[in-house]
Each structure stands twice: as structure tokens, then as C-alpha cells.
Amino acid sequence: MSHVKIKFVSRKVSKVRWKPKDSSVFVTGSYDDEKNNICVWKFPDLSMKQDDENEIDEDPQLTACLPFKGCVTDLKVVTENLLFASSSLGDVHIVNYSDEEVNCVHTWKNTHSFSNGSASVTGLSVKGQELVSVGEDGKLCLFNYSSRQKVQEIEGSDVCSYTAVTYLRHQEICAGNSLGYLQLWDLRTTSEAANHLLHLSREQQGVSALNVHPTQSHILAAGYEDGILSIWDMRNDRKPMCFLEGHSGPISELMFHPSNPDFLYTCSWDGSVWQWDSSGLRSSASYASTNDSQSQTATKGNPWLLCDANRQKLEVLSLFSSSTCVNTIDLIGSSLIWGTDNEELCILNNILV
């Protein structure tokens, strides 16, 4: 594993996302500034380096920038030239980008709002041609982005904000709220009421981040404002399969490794970035799936569903620690990137998975 490279960008970084299939380009969003931006960055082509006398700056370079109204609250990069951005002013944007330019091509204005003003969009999720947003106003909004139409708006029944959202499957959505509940909707039903309401049996803490296992969509990782990480099996939704104490501040983002989901990455307002390695539980998962029919039904050999009984085999590695909040994280291949309140972009290459 290489050392952490740090790039100072003169803005607090709220979101960072790699360009799909390209570890040389990434996109950032800023917040808490008079003029926020969505920016495209690119690493220089080191093949241009002919000899030691012609040195090339190996830091990523800013190649395009889009002024942004409000704070960037979420970014979802969908293709090599399309992304979605959400705003603290309640707007959702469709953005085209390239290495040379970035342009907003459509805006759903005031998607989220209160009677006396705007409400921040707190999360986005994309599946196929569908986009979902949630906000401080307790609403869930569905869009078809190819037709640029709002398809449905679901009013929240709670007097609280939604804080995170993700698709489980194409017609199934899970949102977390500020009271610590997970709510599930099956869009194939005619009812707008949530089909399930899940909650950890402990002191009330808001949900701060959600991410679905890349190959087993019934496995959901949830981060909470008190730093707890929980793993849910959505087929058995009475309680989480485990909850793991770790960070001392809210988990701002988390994600399974896309190609090796035995590894999971979290970042937190406590200033840290961690790697959670469940591969050591593989032997326990194999034993359970071959020797216990009930365990086989429950786990199907996935080590994350056995963490509660095998915590000693779960390895946690600190990748970064600082005195300022880490707001966002993303991963492509073996390259991890994160952004902080200290106006830093941090890149770690050759992570061990």
C-alpha cells in the first residue's frame, strides 16, 4: 500500500466521485462557501515524462468547473459523461461532464421544500433510468431522467428528515431518517406507505449513510450518527445481523468494495478512514452454509452476516486519521479517494484487498 497523497483544493469537499472505469479522472462538489462548485479533476499522463529533467506535476489538475447554487449535498456519477447533483436549496440537477467542460442540462427546482422555504436534498440513488431523492422535508421523489419527468412524490409520515437513500433492487427503495429508522418501499404496490419500518434497539441515533452489497442486494450496510456500523439482511428484517462500534463521530459515507465486497470502507466526522475486512470470516461462513440448514438460509456463505458471532475475525485497519471531518469517500479498483473539511483531497493507491 502506498502513502496518502494530499492535494489542497481551497474548498471544503462535500462529495468526491471517480469517473467510471477511469482512475485518472474524478469529480468533486464543495459546500459551506460563498461560491460552491462542481469540479472535474484529472491526473497528468506520466507517459509524457521523458527524463528526470522534464518533471511533471503528479498532482491532479483542475480541468473544468461549474458554479453551483447552494451546497453540493450529493453526487451520483452514472456514466462517463453523466452525473446527478443535489443542492441544499432543494434542487436536483442533471449534469453533463467531460475532461474539458461541465454543464447543467436540466434542473428540477424546489424538489424538496417547506411551506416557508427550501429544504435541503439529503440523498440521491440511481437504478437504470430511475432516480430517487430524499430531503429534509421528509419527502421521497422519483424521477425518470431520460424523459426528465418527476414520476412520483411520496410524502413522509414522520415529523423528521430523511438523511440517506438507496435502491435495493429496481423497484425497492430504502431510506434512513434522522430518528434512526430504515423505511422500505416496494414500488410495485399501489400504497405510498412504507412496507417495513426497521430500527436498532438502542438509544435513538440518526442514519447517516447507506450502501448495498454489490452482488447480494439483500445485504445493506448502514452508518449512524454515533459512529455505529450495522449490517442488515433485508430478508430477515426484524433486527440487524450485527452492529459494530468503531468511529467516535457520525459515519459520513460508507461503501463495499465493488469487486471484492468482503472489504468495506467508512469515513467519519471524527477525521478517520477505515477499512473493514471480513475475509477472515469466510471459513465460518462456509462451515455454516454446509452444516446448518438454517444458517444456510440466513447467510448463504456471506461473511458479513456472521460478524456478530465472529467479531474477533473481523479486521479493521485505519487508513487515515486527522483532526478535521472526512465528508466523503469513493473507490475504483485499488485507488481510494476522500475529501475533508480541511480543504484536502486525499488519494491512497494500491490498497490491499
Protein backbone atom coordinates (compact mmCIF):
# COMPACT_ATOMS: atom_id res chain seq x y z
CA MET A 1 0.00 0.00 0.00
CA SER A 2 1.37 3.41 -0.97
CA HIS A 3 1.38 6.53 1.18
CA VAL A 4 -1.51 9.00 1.21
CA LYS A 5 -1.17 11.83 -1.32
CA ILE A 6 -2.80 15.08 -0.28
CA LYS A 7 -3.99 17.83 -2.63
CA PHE A 8 -5.19 21.15 -1.18
CA VAL A 9 -8.12 22.49 -3.21
CA SER A 10 -9.09 25.71 -1.34
CA ARG A 11 -12.65 24.47 -0.70
CA LYS A 12 -14.34 22.16 1.74
CA VAL A 13 -15.07 18.94 -0.16
CA SER A 14 -18.57 17.58 0.41
CA LYS A 15 -18.54 14.86 -2.28
CA VAL A 16 -15.97 13.13 -4.46
CA ARG A 17 -16.65 10.53 -7.17
CA TRP A 18 -14.40 8.70 -9.63
CA LYS A 19 -15.30 8.69 -13.31
CA PRO A 20 -16.47 5.15 -14.13
CA LYS A 21 -13.71 2.87 -15.46
CA ASP A 22 -11.15 5.67 -15.29
CA SER A 23 -8.86 6.19 -12.31
CA SER A 24 -7.34 9.31 -13.86
CA VAL A 25 -10.49 11.49 -13.61
CA PHE A 26 -12.76 12.36 -10.69
CA VAL A 27 -15.43 14.90 -9.81
CA THR A 28 -15.84 16.93 -6.61
CA GLY A 29 -18.54 19.06 -5.05
CA SER A 30 -17.99 21.77 -2.44
CA TYR A 31 -20.03 23.25 0.39
CA ASP A 32 -20.07 25.98 3.03
CA ASP A 33 -18.60 28.58 0.68
CA GLU A 34 -19.96 31.80 -0.82
CA LYS A 35 -19.50 30.27 -4.28
CA ASN A 36 -19.65 26.50 -4.45
CA ASN A 37 -18.64 24.43 -7.46
CA ILE A 38 -18.74 21.05 -9.17
CA CYS A 39 -15.23 20.43 -10.45
CA VAL A 40 -13.58 17.87 -12.74
CA TRP A 41 -10.01 16.84 -11.96
CA LYS A 42 -7.52 14.81 -13.95
CA PHE A 43 -4.18 13.23 -13.18
CA PRO A 44 -1.41 14.05 -15.68
CA ASP A 45 -0.28 11.45 -18.19
CA LEU A 46 3.02 10.28 -16.75
CA SER A 47 3.95 8.65 -20.05
CA MET A 48 4.80 12.20 -21.18
CA LYS A 49 7.70 12.22 -18.76
CA GLN A 50 10.77 11.74 -20.95
CA ASP A 51 13.57 12.07 -18.41
CA ASP A 52 14.37 13.36 -14.95
CA GLU A 53 14.99 16.86 -16.29
CA ASN A 54 11.39 17.25 -17.53
CA GLU A 55 9.48 16.89 -14.32
CA ILE A 56 5.70 16.53 -14.41
CA ASP A 57 3.50 17.55 -11.51
CA GLU A 58 1.85 14.29 -10.45
CA ASP A 59 -0.97 16.04 -8.56
CA PRO A 60 -4.46 16.02 -10.09
CA GLN A 61 -5.20 19.17 -12.08
CA LEU A 62 -8.48 21.10 -12.24
CA THR A 63 -9.78 20.83 -15.82
CA ALA A 64 -13.39 22.08 -15.63
CA CYS A 65 -15.63 23.83 -13.12
CA LEU A 66 -19.35 24.58 -12.83
CA PRO A 67 -20.62 27.28 -10.42
CA PHE A 68 -23.27 25.75 -8.16
CA LYS A 69 -26.09 27.42 -6.25
CA GLY A 70 -26.18 26.25 -2.65
CA CYS A 71 -24.08 23.46 -1.21
CA VAL A 72 -23.48 20.22 -3.10
CA THR A 73 -25.19 17.62 -0.91
CA ASP A 74 -24.78 14.55 -3.13
CA LEU A 75 -23.19 13.44 -6.39
CA LYS A 76 -24.01 10.31 -8.37
CA VAL A 77 -21.78 9.69 -11.38
CA VAL A 78 -23.73 7.37 -13.69
CA THR A 79 -21.75 7.19 -16.92
CA GLU A 80 -18.57 8.59 -18.40
CA ASN A 81 -20.36 11.86 -19.21
CA LEU A 82 -23.47 12.00 -16.97
CA LEU A 83 -23.91 12.75 -13.28
CA PHE A 84 -26.62 13.92 -10.90
CA ALA A 85 -26.10 16.58 -8.25
CA SER A 86 -28.32 17.69 -5.39
CA SER A 87 -28.43 21.03 -3.61
CA SER A 88 -29.02 22.39 -0.13
CA LEU A 89 -31.60 24.67 -1.83
CA GLY A 90 -33.83 21.70 -2.69
CA ASP A 91 -32.86 21.33 -6.37
CA VAL A 92 -31.80 18.20 -8.29
CA HIS A 93 -29.60 18.66 -11.38
CA ILE A 94 -28.67 16.61 -14.44
CA VAL A 95 -25.08 17.44 -15.36
CA ASN A 96 -23.00 16.53 -18.42
CA TYR A 97 -19.26 16.49 -17.87
CA SER A 98 -16.02 15.70 -19.65
CA ASP A 99 -12.34 16.33 -19.07
CA GLU A 100 -12.74 19.80 -20.61
CA GLU A 101 -16.17 21.05 -19.53
CA VAL A 102 -19.09 20.53 -17.18
CA ASN A 103 -22.63 21.80 -17.85
CA CYS A 104 -26.01 21.60 -16.17
CA VAL A 105 -28.56 20.40 -18.75
CA HIS A 106 -31.68 20.15 -16.59
CA THR A 107 -32.86 21.15 -13.10
CA TRP A 108 -35.83 20.02 -11.05
CA LYS A 109 -36.19 23.15 -8.94
CA ASN A 110 -37.56 23.14 -5.40
CA THR A 111 -37.96 19.37 -5.44
CA HIS A 112 -37.77 19.49 -1.68
CA SER A 113 -39.18 22.41 0.29
CA PHE A 114 -41.01 23.55 3.39
CA SER A 115 -44.00 25.87 3.38
CA ASN A 116 -41.74 28.75 4.38
CA GLY A 117 -38.76 27.99 2.16
CA SER A 118 -36.39 25.46 0.63
CA ALA A 119 -35.38 22.15 2.19
CA SER A 120 -32.03 20.52 1.54
CA VAL A 121 -31.84 17.40 -0.59
CA THR A 122 -30.02 14.89 1.61
CA GLY A 123 -29.51 11.91 -0.70
CA LEU A 124 -29.74 10.51 -4.23
CA SER A 125 -29.78 7.00 -5.66
CA VAL A 126 -29.90 5.76 -9.26
CA LYS A 127 -31.13 2.48 -10.76
CA GLY A 128 -31.49 2.05 -14.52
CA GLN A 129 -33.36 5.10 -15.85
CA GLU A 130 -34.79 5.93 -12.43
CA LEU A 131 -33.53 8.47 -9.91
CA VAL A 132 -34.75 8.92 -6.33
CA SER A 133 -34.12 11.82 -3.96
CA VAL A 134 -34.87 12.37 -0.28
CA GLY A 135 -34.76 15.56 1.75
CA GLU A 136 -35.10 17.41 5.00
CA ASP A 137 -38.81 17.85 4.28
CA GLY A 138 -39.44 14.13 4.75
CA LYS A 139 -40.34 13.59 1.09
CA LEU A 140 -39.17 10.90 -1.31
CA CYS A 141 -39.26 11.89 -5.01
CA LEU A 142 -38.95 9.60 -8.02
CA PHE A 143 -37.77 10.72 -11.47
CA ASN A 144 -37.29 9.21 -14.90
CA TYR A 145 -34.21 11.06 -16.03
CA SER A 146 -34.36 10.01 -19.69
CA SER A 147 -37.77 11.74 -20.02
CA ARG A 148 -36.82 14.37 -17.39
CA GLN A 149 -40.12 13.82 -15.62
CA LYS A 150 -40.94 13.60 -11.92
CA VAL A 151 -42.79 10.29 -11.69
CA GLN A 152 -43.93 10.22 -8.08
CA GLU A 153 -43.72 12.13 -4.82
CA ILE A 154 -44.21 10.32 -1.52
CA GLU A 155 -44.94 12.46 1.50
CA GLY A 156 -43.23 11.26 4.66
CA SER A 157 -45.50 10.25 7.51
CA ASP A 158 -42.85 11.18 10.07
CA VAL A 159 -42.07 14.56 11.58
CA CYS A 160 -38.41 14.08 10.72
CA SER A 161 -35.97 14.35 7.85
CA TYR A 162 -34.74 11.64 5.56
CA THR A 163 -30.97 11.51 5.67
CA ALA A 164 -29.94 8.79 3.18
CA VAL A 165 -31.46 6.66 0.44
CA THR A 166 -30.54 3.68 -1.75
CA TYR A 167 -32.12 1.30 -4.20
CA LEU A 168 -32.05 -2.32 -3.04
CA ARG A 169 -33.49 -3.65 -6.28
CA HIS A 170 -35.11 -1.90 -9.23
CA GLN A 171 -38.49 -1.49 -7.53
CA GLU A 172 -37.34 -1.49 -3.89
CA ILE A 173 -36.06 1.60 -2.09
CA CYS A 174 -34.68 2.01 1.43
CA ALA A 175 -34.37 5.39 3.16
CA GLY A 176 -32.91 6.23 6.56
CA ASN A 177 -34.16 9.08 8.72
CA SER A 178 -32.97 11.36 11.49
CA LEU A 179 -34.64 9.21 14.16
CA GLY A 180 -32.62 6.14 13.22
CA TYR A 181 -35.31 4.25 11.31
CA LEU A 182 -34.94 2.49 7.98
CA GLN A 183 -38.06 2.62 5.78
CA LEU A 184 -38.64 0.32 2.81
CA TRP A 185 -40.91 0.85 -0.18
CA ASP A 186 -41.92 -1.68 -2.80
CA LEU A 187 -42.90 0.47 -5.78
CA ARG A 188 -44.88 -2.41 -7.30
CA THR A 189 -47.58 -1.83 -4.68
CA THR A 190 -50.16 0.93 -5.00
CA SER A 191 -49.71 2.15 -1.43
CA GLU A 192 -47.35 5.05 -0.75
CA ALA A 193 -46.86 3.93 2.84
CA ALA A 194 -43.57 2.28 3.70
CA ASN A 195 -43.81 -1.52 3.64
CA HIS A 196 -41.40 -2.01 6.54
CA LEU A 197 -40.01 0.09 9.37
CA LEU A 198 -36.71 -1.08 10.88
CA HIS A 199 -34.91 0.24 13.92
CA LEU A 200 -31.96 -0.68 16.11
CA SER A 201 -32.95 -1.48 19.69
CA ARG A 202 -30.79 1.15 21.36
CA GLU A 203 -30.62 4.86 22.03
CA GLN A 204 -32.05 6.82 19.12
CA GLN A 205 -29.42 7.96 16.62
CA GLY A 206 -29.98 9.15 13.07
CA VAL A 207 -28.99 7.17 10.00
CA SER A 208 -26.12 8.94 8.25
CA ALA A 209 -25.14 6.63 5.36
CA LEU A 210 -26.38 3.58 3.41
CA ASN A 211 -24.76 1.23 0.90
CA VAL A 212 -25.93 -2.01 -0.69
CA HIS A 213 -23.73 -5.06 -1.23
CA PRO A 214 -22.75 -5.05 -4.95
CA THR A 215 -23.66 -8.71 -5.62
CA GLN A 216 -26.19 -9.55 -2.90
CA SER A 217 -28.75 -6.75 -2.81
CA HIS A 218 -30.44 -8.04 0.36
CA ILE A 219 -27.33 -7.09 2.36
CA LEU A 220 -27.36 -3.46 3.48
CA ALA A 221 -24.72 -1.55 5.43
CA ALA A 222 -25.94 1.41 7.47
CA GLY A 223 -23.90 4.05 9.27
CA TYR A 224 -25.25 6.12 12.16
CA GLU A 225 -24.59 9.49 13.74
CA ASP A 226 -22.92 7.93 16.78
CA GLY A 227 -20.36 6.07 14.61
CA ILE A 228 -22.09 2.66 14.70
CA LEU A 229 -21.93 0.44 11.62
CA SER A 230 -24.75 -2.09 11.21
CA ILE A 231 -25.25 -4.88 8.69
CA TRP A 232 -28.80 -5.82 7.74
CA ASP A 233 -30.14 -8.87 5.91
CA MET A 234 -33.29 -7.42 4.36
CA ARG A 235 -34.81 -10.90 4.03
CA ASN A 236 -34.71 -11.13 7.81
CA ASP A 237 -35.53 -7.56 8.81
CA ARG A 238 -36.50 -7.95 12.46
CA LYS A 239 -33.06 -6.80 13.59
CA PRO A 240 -29.60 -6.22 12.09
CA MET A 241 -27.28 -9.20 11.74
CA CYS A 242 -24.70 -7.20 13.68
CA PHE A 243 -23.80 -3.72 14.75
CA LEU A 244 -20.19 -2.73 15.15
CA GLU A 245 -18.83 0.05 17.32
CA GLY A 246 -15.95 1.96 15.84
CA HIS A 247 -15.95 5.62 14.87
CA SER A 248 -16.39 8.26 17.55
CA GLY A 249 -18.35 10.56 15.22
CA PRO A 250 -21.01 10.22 12.53
CA ILE A 251 -20.21 7.91 9.61
CA SER A 252 -20.42 10.33 6.69
CA GLU A 253 -20.15 7.74 3.90
CA LEU A 254 -19.52 4.02 3.53
CA MET A 255 -19.14 1.60 0.65
CA PHE A 256 -18.47 -2.05 -0.09
CA HIS A 257 -15.55 -2.69 -2.42
CA PRO A 258 -17.26 -3.08 -5.84
CA SER A 259 -15.30 -6.17 -6.90
CA ASN A 260 -14.28 -7.61 -3.51
CA PRO A 261 -17.16 -6.85 -1.13
CA ASP A 262 -15.55 -8.74 1.74
CA PHE A 263 -13.96 -5.30 2.26
CA LEU A 264 -15.94 -2.24 3.33
CA TYR A 265 -14.74 1.34 3.72
CA THR A 266 -16.04 4.05 6.04
CA CYS A 267 -15.19 7.69 6.65
CA SER A 268 -16.32 9.80 9.57
CA TRP A 269 -16.60 13.23 11.05
CA ASP A 270 -14.08 12.02 13.64
CA GLY A 271 -11.43 12.53 10.92
CA SER A 272 -10.74 8.89 10.12
CA VAL A 273 -10.98 6.49 7.17
CA TRP A 274 -11.20 2.77 7.95
CA GLN A 275 -11.04 -0.48 6.05
CA TRP A 276 -13.20 -3.31 7.44
CA ASP A 277 -12.02 -6.75 6.29
CA SER A 278 -14.47 -9.65 6.72
CA SER A 279 -12.50 -12.14 4.60
CA GLY A 280 -11.29 -13.87 7.77
CA LEU A 281 -14.88 -14.95 8.38
CA ARG A 282 -15.02 -16.88 5.12
CA SER A 283 -14.20 -20.20 6.81
CA SER A 284 -17.02 -19.66 9.33
CA ALA A 285 -19.43 -18.80 6.52
CA SER A 286 -18.51 -21.93 4.58
CA TYR A 287 -18.93 -24.09 7.68
CA ALA A 288 -22.34 -22.59 8.44
CA SER A 289 -23.61 -22.97 4.89
CA THR A 290 -22.67 -26.66 4.70
CA ASN A 291 -23.55 -27.83 8.20
CA ASP A 292 -26.61 -25.90 9.28
CA SER A 293 -29.64 -25.58 7.01
CA GLN A 294 -30.97 -22.62 9.00
CA SER A 295 -27.66 -20.82 8.77
CA GLN A 296 -27.51 -21.62 5.07
CA THR A 297 -30.86 -19.97 4.56
CA ALA A 298 -29.82 -16.95 6.61
CA THR A 299 -26.28 -16.35 5.33
CA LYS A 300 -25.64 -18.21 2.08
CA GLY A 301 -21.95 -18.05 2.90
CA ASN A 302 -21.64 -14.26 3.14
CA PRO A 303 -19.18 -13.35 5.88
CA TRP A 304 -20.84 -10.01 6.69
CA LEU A 305 -23.85 -11.89 8.03
CA LEU A 306 -21.68 -13.71 10.56
CA CYS A 307 -19.89 -10.72 12.09
CA ASP A 308 -21.89 -10.78 15.31
CA ALA A 309 -20.67 -14.24 16.32
CA ASN A 310 -17.17 -13.85 14.87
CA ARG A 311 -16.13 -10.31 15.71
CA GLN A 312 -12.62 -11.46 16.62
CA LYS A 313 -12.04 -12.44 12.97
CA LEU A 314 -13.10 -9.05 11.60
CA GLU A 315 -10.03 -6.94 10.88
CA VAL A 316 -10.24 -3.15 10.99
CA LEU A 317 -7.42 -1.07 9.55
CA SER A 318 -7.07 2.69 9.99
CA LEU A 319 -6.08 4.22 6.64
CA PHE A 320 -6.16 7.87 7.68
CA SER A 321 -6.62 9.99 10.78
CA SER A 322 -6.85 13.75 11.18
CA SER A 323 -8.40 16.40 13.39
CA THR A 324 -10.94 17.52 10.79
CA CYS A 325 -14.08 15.90 9.33
CA VAL A 326 -13.83 13.45 6.46
CA ASN A 327 -17.04 14.01 4.47
CA THR A 328 -16.85 11.68 1.51
CA ILE A 329 -15.13 8.64 0.06
CA ASP A 330 -15.02 6.74 -3.23
CA LEU A 331 -13.16 3.79 -4.66
CA ILE A 332 -12.15 2.48 -8.07
CA GLY A 333 -10.00 -0.62 -8.40
CA SER A 334 -7.28 -0.24 -5.79
CA SER A 335 -7.46 3.57 -5.58
CA LEU A 336 -9.29 5.23 -2.70
CA ILE A 337 -10.07 8.94 -2.57
CA TRP A 338 -11.66 11.11 0.14
CA GLY A 339 -12.36 14.76 0.87
CA THR A 340 -12.22 16.75 4.10
CA ASP A 341 -13.30 19.95 5.81
CA ASN A 342 -9.64 20.94 5.79
CA GLU A 343 -9.95 21.61 2.01
CA GLU A 344 -7.99 18.44 1.24
CA LEU A 345 -8.35 15.72 -1.35
CA CYS A 346 -6.56 12.57 -0.25
CA ILE A 347 -5.65 9.70 -2.58
CA LEU A 348 -4.42 6.27 -1.49
CA ASN A 349 -3.32 3.89 -4.22
CA ASN A 350 -2.64 0.15 -4.12
CA ILE A 351 -4.93 -0.62 -1.20
CA LEU A 352 -4.66 -4.25 -0.15
CA VAL A 353 -7.76 -6.29 -1.00
